[in-house]
Protein backbone atom coordinates (compact mmCIF):
# COMPACT_ATOMS: atom_id res chain seq x y z
CA UNK A 1 42.66 22.16 12.88
CA UNK A 2 40.92 19.40 10.89
CA UNK A 3 40.95 15.87 12.25
CA UNK A 4 43.63 13.65 10.76
CA UNK A 5 41.50 10.54 10.89
CA UNK A 6 37.95 9.36 11.48
CA UNK A 7 36.96 7.23 14.39
CA UNK A 8 36.54 3.94 12.55
CA UNK A 9 36.54 2.15 9.20
CA UNK A 10 34.31 -0.32 7.41
CA UNK A 11 34.95 -4.02 7.88
CA UNK A 12 37.47 -5.55 5.49
CA UNK A 13 37.27 -8.78 3.44
CA UNK A 14 33.80 -9.87 4.60
CA UNK A 15 32.03 -10.14 1.24
CA UNK A 16 32.64 -12.63 -1.55
CA UNK A 17 31.21 -12.70 -5.08
CA UNK A 18 28.00 -14.45 -4.05
CA UNK A 19 27.24 -12.03 -1.23
CA UNK A 20 27.80 -8.97 -3.43
CA UNK A 21 25.61 -10.48 -6.16
CA UNK A 22 22.87 -10.98 -3.56
CA UNK A 23 23.13 -7.32 -2.52
CA UNK A 24 23.19 -6.08 -6.10
CA UNK A 25 20.37 -8.20 -7.54
CA UNK A 26 18.27 -7.75 -4.39
CA UNK A 27 18.58 -3.98 -4.87
CA UNK A 28 17.20 -4.46 -8.37
CA UNK A 29 14.23 -6.31 -6.75
CA UNK A 30 13.33 -8.80 -9.51
CA UNK A 31 9.73 -9.56 -8.53
CA UNK A 32 9.07 -5.90 -7.72
CA UNK A 33 10.35 -4.84 -11.14
CA UNK A 34 8.51 -7.53 -13.08
CA UNK A 35 5.24 -7.39 -11.14
CA UNK A 36 5.33 -3.71 -10.22
CA UNK A 37 7.65 -1.47 -12.22
CA UNK A 38 7.24 -3.18 -15.61
CA UNK A 39 3.47 -3.57 -15.29
CA UNK A 40 3.12 0.06 -14.18
CA UNK A 41 5.32 1.00 -17.13
CA UNK A 42 3.04 -0.84 -19.58
CA UNK A 43 -0.02 0.81 -18.04
CA UNK A 44 1.27 4.37 -17.71
CA UNK A 45 3.26 4.67 -20.95
CA UNK A 46 1.07 2.58 -23.24
CA UNK A 47 4.15 1.08 -24.97
CA UNK A 48 4.85 -2.63 -25.38
CA UNK A 49 8.62 -2.63 -25.95
CA UNK A 50 9.69 -2.96 -22.32
CA UNK A 51 11.06 -6.55 -22.71
CA UNK A 52 13.29 -5.28 -25.55
CA UNK A 53 14.23 -2.28 -23.43
CA UNK A 54 15.66 -4.54 -20.72
CA UNK A 55 17.88 -6.31 -23.27
CA UNK A 56 19.02 -3.02 -24.81
CA UNK A 57 19.85 -1.46 -21.46
CA UNK A 58 21.71 -4.61 -20.38
CA UNK A 59 23.93 -4.32 -23.46
CA UNK A 60 24.60 -0.62 -22.87
CA UNK A 61 25.38 -1.16 -19.19
CA UNK A 62 27.59 -4.11 -20.09
CA UNK A 63 29.63 -1.72 -22.22
CA UNK A 64 29.64 0.80 -19.37
CA UNK A 65 30.76 -1.88 -16.91
CA UNK A 66 33.96 -2.53 -18.86
CA UNK A 67 35.45 0.82 -17.87
CA UNK A 68 33.58 0.92 -14.56
CA UNK A 69 35.09 -2.26 -13.16
CA UNK A 70 38.50 -1.48 -14.66
CA UNK A 71 38.58 1.76 -12.70
CA UNK A 72 37.36 -0.08 -9.58
CA UNK A 73 40.92 -1.40 -9.20
CA UNK A 74 42.09 2.17 -8.72
CA UNK A 75 39.18 3.55 -6.68
CA UNK A 76 38.07 1.83 -3.48
CA UNK A 77 35.41 4.01 -1.94
CA UNK A 78 31.97 3.41 -0.39
CA UNK A 79 30.72 6.50 -2.27
CA UNK A 80 31.23 4.89 -5.67
CA UNK A 81 29.87 7.38 -8.25
CA UNK A 82 30.96 10.31 -6.10
CA UNK A 83 34.53 9.01 -5.91
CA UNK A 84 34.81 7.96 -9.57
CA UNK A 85 33.59 11.33 -10.81
CA UNK A 86 35.79 13.22 -8.35
CA UNK A 87 38.87 11.37 -9.59
CA UNK A 88 38.00 11.65 -13.26
CA UNK A 89 36.34 15.06 -13.55
CA UNK A 90 37.57 16.98 -10.52
CA UNK A 91 36.73 17.18 -6.84
CA UNK A 92 34.02 19.86 -7.10
CA UNK A 93 32.24 17.87 -9.81
CA UNK A 94 32.48 14.88 -7.50
CA UNK A 95 30.68 16.71 -4.69
CA UNK A 96 27.91 17.65 -7.14
CA UNK A 97 27.64 13.98 -8.12
CA UNK A 98 27.59 12.97 -4.46
CA UNK A 99 24.61 15.24 -3.82
CA UNK A 100 22.73 13.81 -6.82
CA UNK A 101 23.56 10.25 -5.71
CA UNK A 102 22.22 10.81 -2.19
CA UNK A 103 18.97 12.38 -3.41
CA UNK A 104 18.51 9.67 -6.05
CA UNK A 105 19.08 6.74 -3.72
CA UNK A 106 16.93 8.20 -0.95
CA UNK A 107 14.11 8.68 -3.47
CA UNK A 108 14.45 5.05 -4.52
CA UNK A 109 14.55 3.87 -0.91
CA UNK A 110 11.38 5.72 0.10
CA UNK A 111 9.64 4.68 -3.11
CA UNK A 112 10.29 1.06 -2.14
CA UNK A 113 8.96 1.76 1.35
CA UNK A 114 5.75 3.08 -0.19
CA UNK A 115 5.47 0.07 -2.47
CA UNK A 116 6.06 -2.30 0.44
CA UNK A 117 3.39 -0.59 2.53
CA UNK A 118 0.74 -0.83 -0.17
CA UNK A 119 1.77 -4.35 -1.19
CA UNK A 120 1.70 -5.65 2.38
CA UNK A 121 -1.65 -3.97 3.08
CA UNK A 122 -3.15 -5.56 -0.05
CA UNK A 123 -1.75 -8.97 0.88
CA UNK A 124 -3.14 -8.83 4.42
CA UNK A 125 -6.53 -7.74 3.11
CA UNK A 126 -6.63 -10.62 0.62
CA UNK A 127 -5.56 -13.24 3.16
CA UNK A 128 -7.47 -12.10 6.26
CA UNK A 129 -9.91 -9.42 5.15
CA UNK A 130 -8.37 -6.94 7.59
CA UNK A 131 -7.80 -3.37 6.45
CA UNK A 132 -4.54 -1.83 7.71
CA UNK A 133 -3.19 1.55 6.57
CA UNK A 134 -0.29 1.22 4.12
CA UNK A 135 1.98 3.46 6.19
CA UNK A 136 1.88 1.01 9.12
CA UNK A 137 3.67 -1.61 7.03
CA UNK A 138 6.04 0.96 5.53
CA UNK A 139 7.00 2.03 9.04
CA UNK A 140 7.47 -1.56 10.21
CA UNK A 141 9.63 -2.31 7.17
CA UNK A 142 11.80 0.73 7.78
CA UNK A 143 12.15 -0.20 11.45
CA UNK A 144 13.38 -3.73 10.65
CA UNK A 145 15.75 -2.34 8.02
CA UNK A 146 17.06 0.13 10.61
CA UNK A 147 17.97 -2.76 12.94
CA UNK A 148 19.62 -4.81 10.18
CA UNK A 149 21.42 -1.72 8.92
CA UNK A 150 23.73 -1.63 11.94
CA UNK A 151 24.49 -5.37 12.00
CA UNK A 152 27.43 -7.07 10.29
CA UNK A 153 27.29 -6.68 6.51
CA UNK A 154 27.76 -10.43 5.92
CA UNK A 155 24.71 -11.17 8.08
CA UNK A 156 22.66 -8.91 5.83
CA UNK A 157 24.08 -10.73 2.81
CA UNK A 158 22.70 -14.04 4.06
CA UNK A 159 19.26 -12.51 4.72
CA UNK A 160 19.17 -11.08 1.20
CA UNK A 161 20.35 -14.38 -0.29
CA UNK A 162 17.45 -16.37 1.16
CA UNK A 163 14.84 -13.81 0.08
CA UNK A 164 16.33 -13.40 -3.39
CA UNK A 165 16.56 -17.11 -4.23
CA UNK A 166 12.95 -17.62 -3.17
CA UNK A 167 11.57 -14.82 -5.32
CA UNK A 168 13.61 -15.80 -8.39
CA UNK A 169 12.32 -19.38 -8.09
CA UNK A 170 8.73 -18.11 -8.04
CA UNK A 171 9.27 -15.75 -10.98
CA UNK A 172 10.72 -18.56 -13.13
CA UNK A 173 7.78 -20.80 -12.18
CA UNK A 174 5.36 -18.09 -13.29
CA UNK A 175 7.32 -17.58 -16.53
CA UNK A 176 7.15 -21.28 -17.36
CA UNK A 177 3.38 -21.31 -16.87
CA UNK A 178 2.91 -18.23 -19.09
CA UNK A 179 4.93 -19.68 -21.97
CA UNK A 180 3.45 -23.17 -21.67
CA UNK A 181 -0.11 -21.75 -21.63
CA UNK A 182 0.05 -18.70 -23.94
CA UNK A 183 -2.75 -16.47 -25.18
CA UNK A 184 -4.66 -17.54 -28.33
CA UNK A 185 -2.05 -15.89 -30.58
CA UNK A 186 0.59 -18.29 -29.24
CA UNK A 187 4.25 -17.76 -28.36
CA UNK A 188 5.30 -14.68 -30.33
CA UNK A 189 8.25 -12.30 -30.04
CA UNK A 190 6.71 -9.01 -31.16
CA UNK A 191 7.74 -7.18 -27.96
CA UNK A 192 11.39 -8.11 -28.61
CA UNK A 193 11.45 -6.70 -32.17
CA UNK A 194 14.55 -4.44 -32.46
CA UNK A 195 12.65 -2.16 -34.86
CA UNK A 196 10.95 -0.64 -31.81
CA UNK A 197 14.23 1.11 -30.95
CA UNK A 198 13.71 3.28 -34.03
CA UNK A 199 10.26 4.52 -32.97
CA UNK A 200 9.26 7.57 -30.93
CA UNK A 201 8.41 5.30 -28.00
CA UNK A 202 12.02 4.19 -27.58
CA UNK A 203 12.86 6.84 -24.98
CA UNK A 204 9.87 5.88 -22.87
CA UNK A 205 10.49 2.16 -22.63
CA UNK A 206 14.25 2.61 -22.31
CA UNK A 207 13.97 4.79 -19.21
CA UNK A 208 11.33 2.46 -17.72
CA UNK A 209 13.68 -0.44 -18.41
CA UNK A 210 16.66 1.41 -16.96
CA UNK A 211 14.73 1.83 -13.72
CA UNK A 212 14.86 -1.94 -13.29
CA UNK A 213 18.65 -1.91 -13.33
CA UNK A 214 19.03 0.60 -10.54
CA UNK A 215 21.24 -1.14 -8.02
CA UNK A 216 23.47 -3.05 -10.43
CA UNK A 217 26.17 -0.42 -9.84
CA UNK A 218 26.10 -1.01 -6.09
CA UNK A 219 28.78 -3.68 -6.25
CA UNK A 220 31.47 -0.99 -6.12
CA UNK A 221 29.80 0.65 -3.09
CA UNK A 222 30.78 -2.55 -1.24
CA UNK A 223 34.36 -2.55 -2.59
CA UNK A 224 35.93 -1.65 0.76
CA UNK A 225 34.23 -4.67 2.33
CA UNK A 226 34.97 -7.10 -0.53
CA UNK A 227 37.55 -9.87 -0.20
CA UNK A 228 39.60 -8.52 -3.12
CA UNK A 229 39.23 -6.21 -6.17
CA UNK A 230 38.36 -9.09 -8.52
CA UNK A 231 35.40 -9.94 -6.30
CA UNK A 232 33.73 -6.68 -7.32
CA UNK A 233 34.51 -7.21 -11.02
CA UNK A 234 33.02 -10.71 -11.15
CA UNK A 235 29.99 -9.71 -9.06
CA UNK A 236 29.21 -6.76 -11.35
CA UNK A 237 29.15 -8.84 -14.52
CA UNK A 238 27.21 -11.72 -12.94
CA UNK A 239 24.62 -9.31 -11.55
CA UNK A 240 24.17 -7.58 -14.89
CA UNK A 241 23.62 -10.86 -16.74
CA UNK A 242 21.16 -12.15 -14.13
CA UNK A 243 19.18 -8.89 -13.99
CA UNK A 244 18.99 -8.32 -17.75
CA UNK A 245 18.18 -11.92 -18.60
CA UNK A 246 15.55 -12.38 -15.90
CA UNK A 247 13.73 -9.11 -16.59
CA UNK A 248 13.60 -9.53 -20.34
CA UNK A 249 12.47 -13.16 -20.06
CA UNK A 250 9.80 -12.45 -17.45
CA UNK A 251 8.26 -9.36 -19.05
CA UNK A 252 8.23 -11.10 -22.44
CA UNK A 253 6.53 -14.12 -20.82
CA UNK A 254 3.78 -11.84 -19.49
CA UNK A 255 3.16 -10.49 -23.00
CA UNK A 256 2.94 -14.10 -24.21
CA UNK A 257 0.29 -14.78 -21.55
CA UNK A 258 -1.84 -11.75 -22.49
CA UNK A 259 -0.91 -11.44 -26.14
CA UNK A 260 1.31 -8.49 -27.20
CA UNK A 261 -1.67 -6.41 -28.30
CA UNK A 262 -3.40 -6.75 -24.92
CA UNK A 263 -0.57 -6.27 -22.39
CA UNK A 264 -1.22 -2.53 -22.01
CA UNK A 265 -4.96 -2.99 -21.58
CA UNK A 266 -4.45 -5.79 -19.04
CA UNK A 267 -1.87 -3.75 -17.12
CA UNK A 268 -4.24 -0.79 -16.95
CA UNK A 269 -7.06 -3.05 -15.75
CA UNK A 270 -5.21 -5.05 -13.11
CA UNK A 271 -2.31 -2.71 -12.25
CA UNK A 272 0.35 -4.39 -10.07
CA UNK A 273 -1.94 -7.41 -9.57
CA UNK A 274 -1.50 -8.46 -13.22
CA UNK A 275 1.40 -10.85 -12.60
CA UNK A 276 -0.62 -12.72 -9.99
CA UNK A 277 -3.86 -12.63 -11.97
CA UNK A 278 -2.12 -14.30 -14.91
CA UNK A 279 -0.44 -16.82 -12.61
CA UNK A 280 -3.76 -17.56 -10.87
CA UNK A 281 -5.27 -18.55 -14.21
CA UNK A 282 -2.59 -21.18 -14.69
CA UNK A 283 -1.21 -22.33 -11.32
CA UNK A 284 -2.52 -23.58 -7.96
CA UNK A 285 -3.70 -20.83 -5.63
CA UNK A 286 -1.08 -21.65 -2.99
CA UNK A 287 1.74 -20.78 -5.43
CA UNK A 288 0.09 -17.46 -6.24
CA UNK A 289 -0.26 -16.68 -2.53
CA UNK A 290 3.41 -17.49 -1.98
CA UNK A 291 4.28 -15.28 -4.95
CA UNK A 292 2.25 -12.41 -3.50
CA UNK A 293 4.07 -12.75 -0.17
CA UNK A 294 7.43 -12.81 -1.93
CA UNK A 295 6.49 -9.65 -3.83
CA UNK A 296 6.42 -7.92 -0.45
CA UNK A 297 9.71 -9.51 0.66
CA UNK A 298 11.23 -8.45 -2.66
CA UNK A 299 10.46 -4.85 -1.79
CA UNK A 300 11.88 -5.38 1.68
CA UNK A 301 15.10 -6.87 0.30
CA UNK A 302 15.51 -3.92 -2.07
CA UNK A 303 14.87 -1.50 0.79
CA UNK A 304 17.57 -3.18 2.86
CA UNK A 305 20.06 -3.06 0.01
CA UNK A 306 19.45 0.61 -0.78
CA UNK A 307 19.55 1.48 2.91
CA UNK A 308 23.10 0.14 2.94
CA UNK A 309 23.96 2.18 -0.16
CA UNK A 310 22.61 5.42 1.35
CA UNK A 311 24.38 4.86 4.67
CA UNK A 312 27.69 4.15 2.94
CA UNK A 313 27.45 7.25 0.78
CA UNK A 314 26.88 9.29 3.93
CA UNK A 315 29.82 7.49 5.55
CA UNK A 316 32.08 8.31 2.59
CA UNK A 317 31.10 11.99 2.61
CA UNK A 318 31.55 12.24 6.38
CA UNK A 319 34.92 10.48 6.39
CA UNK A 320 36.32 12.88 3.81
CA UNK A 321 34.92 16.00 5.48
CA UNK A 322 32.45 16.83 2.73
CA UNK A 323 29.47 16.12 4.99
CA UNK A 324 29.02 15.92 8.74
CA UNK A 325 32.03 14.35 10.43
CA UNK A 326 29.67 12.22 12.50
CA UNK A 327 28.61 10.38 9.35
CA UNK A 328 32.16 9.09 8.99
CA UNK A 329 31.96 6.94 12.12
CA UNK A 330 31.13 3.25 12.40
CA UNK A 331 29.86 0.89 15.05
CA UNK A 332 32.78 -0.45 17.12
CA UNK A 333 31.03 -3.83 17.36
CA UNK A 334 29.94 -4.46 13.75
CA UNK A 335 31.97 -1.89 11.75
CA UNK A 336 28.69 -0.82 10.09
CA UNK A 337 28.27 2.89 9.22
CA UNK A 338 25.88 3.41 12.13
CA UNK A 339 25.62 7.21 11.88
CA UNK A 340 24.84 7.08 8.17
CA UNK A 341 22.35 4.29 8.81
CA UNK A 342 20.53 6.29 11.49
CA UNK A 343 20.39 9.38 9.28
CA UNK A 344 18.99 7.34 6.40
CA UNK A 345 16.33 5.86 8.68
CA UNK A 346 15.22 9.24 10.02
CA UNK A 347 14.95 10.79 6.54
CA UNK A 348 13.01 7.77 5.24
CA UNK A 349 10.53 7.89 8.11
CA UNK A 350 9.97 11.62 7.58
CA UNK A 351 9.22 11.23 3.87
CA UNK A 352 6.80 8.34 4.44
CA UNK A 353 5.09 10.32 7.23
CA UNK A 354 4.74 13.35 4.94
CA UNK A 355 3.06 11.27 2.22
CA UNK A 356 0.76 9.62 4.78
CA UNK A 357 -0.27 12.94 6.33
CA UNK A 358 -0.96 14.66 3.00
CA UNK A 359 -3.02 11.69 1.80
CA UNK A 360 -1.56 11.56 -1.71
CA UNK A 361 -1.55 8.24 -3.58
CA UNK A 362 1.54 6.30 -2.39
CA UNK A 363 1.68 4.07 -5.47
CA UNK A 364 1.62 6.86 -8.05
CA UNK A 365 3.55 9.60 -6.28
CA UNK A 366 5.81 7.69 -3.89
CA UNK A 367 6.42 4.33 -5.53
CA UNK A 368 6.28 5.06 -9.27
CA UNK A 369 7.28 8.74 -9.35
CA UNK A 370 9.93 8.25 -6.67
CA UNK A 371 11.53 5.34 -8.50
CA UNK A 372 11.35 7.12 -11.88
CA UNK A 373 12.92 10.28 -10.48
CA UNK A 374 15.64 8.27 -8.74
CA UNK A 375 16.33 6.41 -11.98
CA UNK A 376 16.77 9.71 -13.82
CA UNK A 377 19.35 10.79 -11.24
CA UNK A 378 21.24 7.51 -11.44
CA UNK A 379 21.17 7.55 -15.25
CA UNK A 380 22.81 10.99 -15.14
CA UNK A 381 25.46 9.64 -12.78
CA UNK A 382 26.17 6.61 -14.97
CA UNK A 383 26.74 8.96 -17.91
CA UNK A 384 29.06 11.21 -15.87
CA UNK A 385 30.93 8.16 -14.58
CA UNK A 386 31.57 6.92 -18.12
CA UNK A 387 33.09 10.29 -18.98
CA UNK A 388 35.04 10.25 -15.70
CA UNK A 389 36.56 6.85 -16.52
CA UNK A 390 37.94 8.27 -19.77
CA UNK A 391 39.21 11.37 -17.99
CA UNK A 392 40.90 9.38 -15.24
CA UNK A 393 42.80 7.03 -17.55
CA UNK A 394 43.83 9.80 -19.94
CA UNK A 395 45.33 11.61 -16.94
CA UNK A 396 46.93 8.46 -15.44
CA UNK A 397 48.62 6.72 -18.35
CA UNK A 398 50.72 4.20 -16.41
CA UNK A 399 47.76 1.96 -15.57
CA UNK A 400 48.62 -1.15 -17.59
CA UNK A 401 45.11 -1.61 -19.04
CA UNK A 402 44.16 -1.78 -22.72
CA UNK A 403 42.86 1.28 -24.56
CA UNK A 404 39.62 -0.60 -25.23
CA UNK A 405 38.89 -0.92 -21.51
CA UNK A 406 39.98 2.58 -20.51
CA UNK A 407 38.93 4.84 -23.39
CA UNK A 408 37.02 3.21 -26.25
CA UNK A 409 34.38 1.20 -24.34
CA UNK A 410 33.56 3.91 -21.78
CA UNK A 411 33.50 6.59 -24.50
CA UNK A 412 31.05 4.59 -26.62
CA UNK A 413 28.97 3.89 -23.50
CA UNK A 414 28.93 7.61 -22.69
CA UNK A 415 27.71 8.47 -26.20
CA UNK A 416 24.89 5.92 -26.04
CA UNK A 417 23.95 6.91 -22.49
CA UNK A 418 23.82 10.56 -23.54
CA UNK A 419 21.24 9.65 -26.19
CA UNK A 420 19.26 7.61 -23.65
CA UNK A 421 19.34 10.53 -21.17
CA UNK A 422 18.21 12.98 -23.85
CA UNK A 423 15.33 10.68 -24.83
CA UNK A 424 14.47 10.22 -21.17
CA UNK A 425 14.29 13.92 -20.35
CA UNK A 426 12.33 14.73 -23.51
CA UNK A 427 9.74 12.03 -22.74
CA UNK A 428 9.74 12.25 -18.95
CA UNK A 429 6.15 13.48 -18.84
CA UNK A 430 5.05 10.31 -20.65
CA UNK A 431 7.12 8.22 -18.25
CA UNK A 432 5.29 9.81 -15.32
CA UNK A 433 1.93 9.47 -17.04
CA UNK A 434 1.11 13.19 -16.83
CA UNK A 435 -0.58 15.43 -19.38
CA UNK A 436 1.50 17.39 -21.87
CA UNK A 437 2.78 20.57 -20.27
CA UNK A 438 2.49 19.27 -16.70
CA UNK A 439 5.16 21.01 -14.54
CA UNK A 440 6.38 17.65 -13.14
CA UNK A 441 7.77 16.72 -16.56
CA UNK A 442 10.42 19.45 -16.35
CA UNK A 443 10.50 20.21 -12.61
CA UNK A 444 12.09 16.88 -11.67
CA UNK A 445 14.95 17.06 -14.22
CA UNK A 446 15.56 20.71 -13.29
CA UNK A 447 15.49 19.75 -9.62
CA UNK A 448 18.34 17.31 -10.16
CA UNK A 449 20.27 19.96 -12.06
CA UNK A 450 19.81 22.32 -9.10
CA UNK A 451 21.02 19.62 -6.67
CA UNK A 452 24.11 19.04 -8.81
CA UNK A 453 24.90 22.77 -9.02
CA UNK A 454 24.49 23.20 -5.25
CA UNK A 455 26.86 20.28 -4.67
CA UNK A 456 29.31 21.73 -7.18
CA UNK A 457 29.24 25.10 -5.40
CA UNK A 458 29.76 23.37 -2.05
CA UNK A 459 32.79 21.55 -3.45
CA UNK A 460 34.27 24.82 -4.75
CA UNK A 461 33.62 26.46 -1.37
CA UNK A 462 35.44 23.63 0.43
CA UNK A 463 38.60 24.43 -1.51
CA UNK A 464 38.63 27.86 0.13
CA UNK A 465 37.15 27.33 3.58
CA UNK A 466 38.08 23.71 4.36
CA UNK A 467 41.07 22.80 2.17
CA UNK A 468 41.78 19.70 4.26
CA UNK A 469 38.33 18.36 3.31
CA UNK A 470 38.70 19.33 -0.33
CA UNK A 471 42.00 17.47 -0.55
CA UNK A 472 40.36 14.31 0.81
CA UNK A 473 37.53 14.17 -1.71
CA UNK A 474 37.46 10.77 -3.40
CA UNK A 475 40.34 9.28 -1.39
CA UNK A 476 38.23 6.74 0.50
CA UNK A 477 40.06 4.94 3.31
CA UNK A 478 43.26 6.78 2.34
CA UNK A 479 41.65 10.06 3.44
CA UNK A 480 42.75 9.28 7.00
CA UNK A 481 46.39 9.13 5.86
CA UNK A 482 46.49 12.75 4.67
CA UNK A 483 48.74 14.76 6.94
CA UNK A 484 47.51 18.11 8.27
CA UNK A 485 49.46 20.98 6.76
CA UNK A 486 49.92 19.18 3.43
CA UNK A 487 46.28 19.10 2.42
CA UNK A 488 46.46 21.19 -0.73
CA UNK A 489 49.66 19.87 -2.27
CA UNK A 490 48.84 18.72 -5.81
CA UNK A 491 45.13 19.38 -5.39
CA UNK A 492 43.23 20.44 -8.48
């Protein structure tokens, strides 16, 4: 006989708009994206349109958010994409999406751990001359995140708030110095020219830009712990504006400092040090040192945020019987998803240890490839969620929302996102910086397809072997209210 309830629930009404914005923007890791992801994108892809890409993706995701936050009033579940897709496209499809979400977010989490390890090792070497293996700092970062992961969620929000405000202040200071002391060509806007969207490079810089937005959707993951449904809606829009505006401004400012025609060359020469090299030419050394330290804390803040996302997805799957029942338990003291947090920590440590033992380059294969692969998975989920929003509201017509919010906006977003996904998959080899025909260019997209199919098959199997679990898919906290013996009534 299946259990009628799980042992605990997440804390209620602990997070306001500001706290959720801190979690969401910290997950996006502003200084990491500007100084790491964007610069690596310039260097690896050879394209200059990344500042425009951030603006374009912000507009597309703003359109997506209209239906996304509208549906958030009807779906309150820590496994956001999983639950939305289950309710809009069917339970088995939802389990496939849940599998893709877990793999994607774990890839992003471990990529951040790799970036933190290398960044911290470089910083220590520059400050003290000591050489420490990168994996030591990755392990320390994961250990601290593991401790914070089982504390009260609002405590974590305050930690992220302090780190986030500091790094944004430094980024804006750097931006001001770049624009006030431009390259010999002056302040120009070539990298923001919309005509670049019509070139063959569009797919490359759009997917690189989309990577910077990973985490904006995490506001709904925290819906069960938010003070009210409107909290999530406001936090989503604020986060999107902050992320899009800051990234576009900061990457454009870097091209002003180098000159648009030299940003790729400079990025290839200096790699992830470019932001600080340019700042060092214009600002006092102490500010550059502080910026370098905050680059590391930016990675840590993003790690902490994505750790919470992974643990809550595991919690959601465990609570509804899709995954291990143990995952659906929380700490009696803090109401944190302790089992999901511990599982996330163990998996993260194992991946970092594997990379360290094999000796492969952690920046290329863990940080950049991991983040790019995770972004591809999340992009697929955003597309499916847009379609799911339309499906949900066409099936539930007594919702009281306008047709624009429930059908038109999400349908248009789905069409645009489908084009972006197609461009992304077709140019994924360029995104990764591999030679034409390299197996990685198609193996990663096919790997996600395989994960989705396996999850889909598992969902279909649940309908036969564990109908009580199948009936609970996507219900969130209401899963505990389902009475044994009535599990399959009305299930599709």
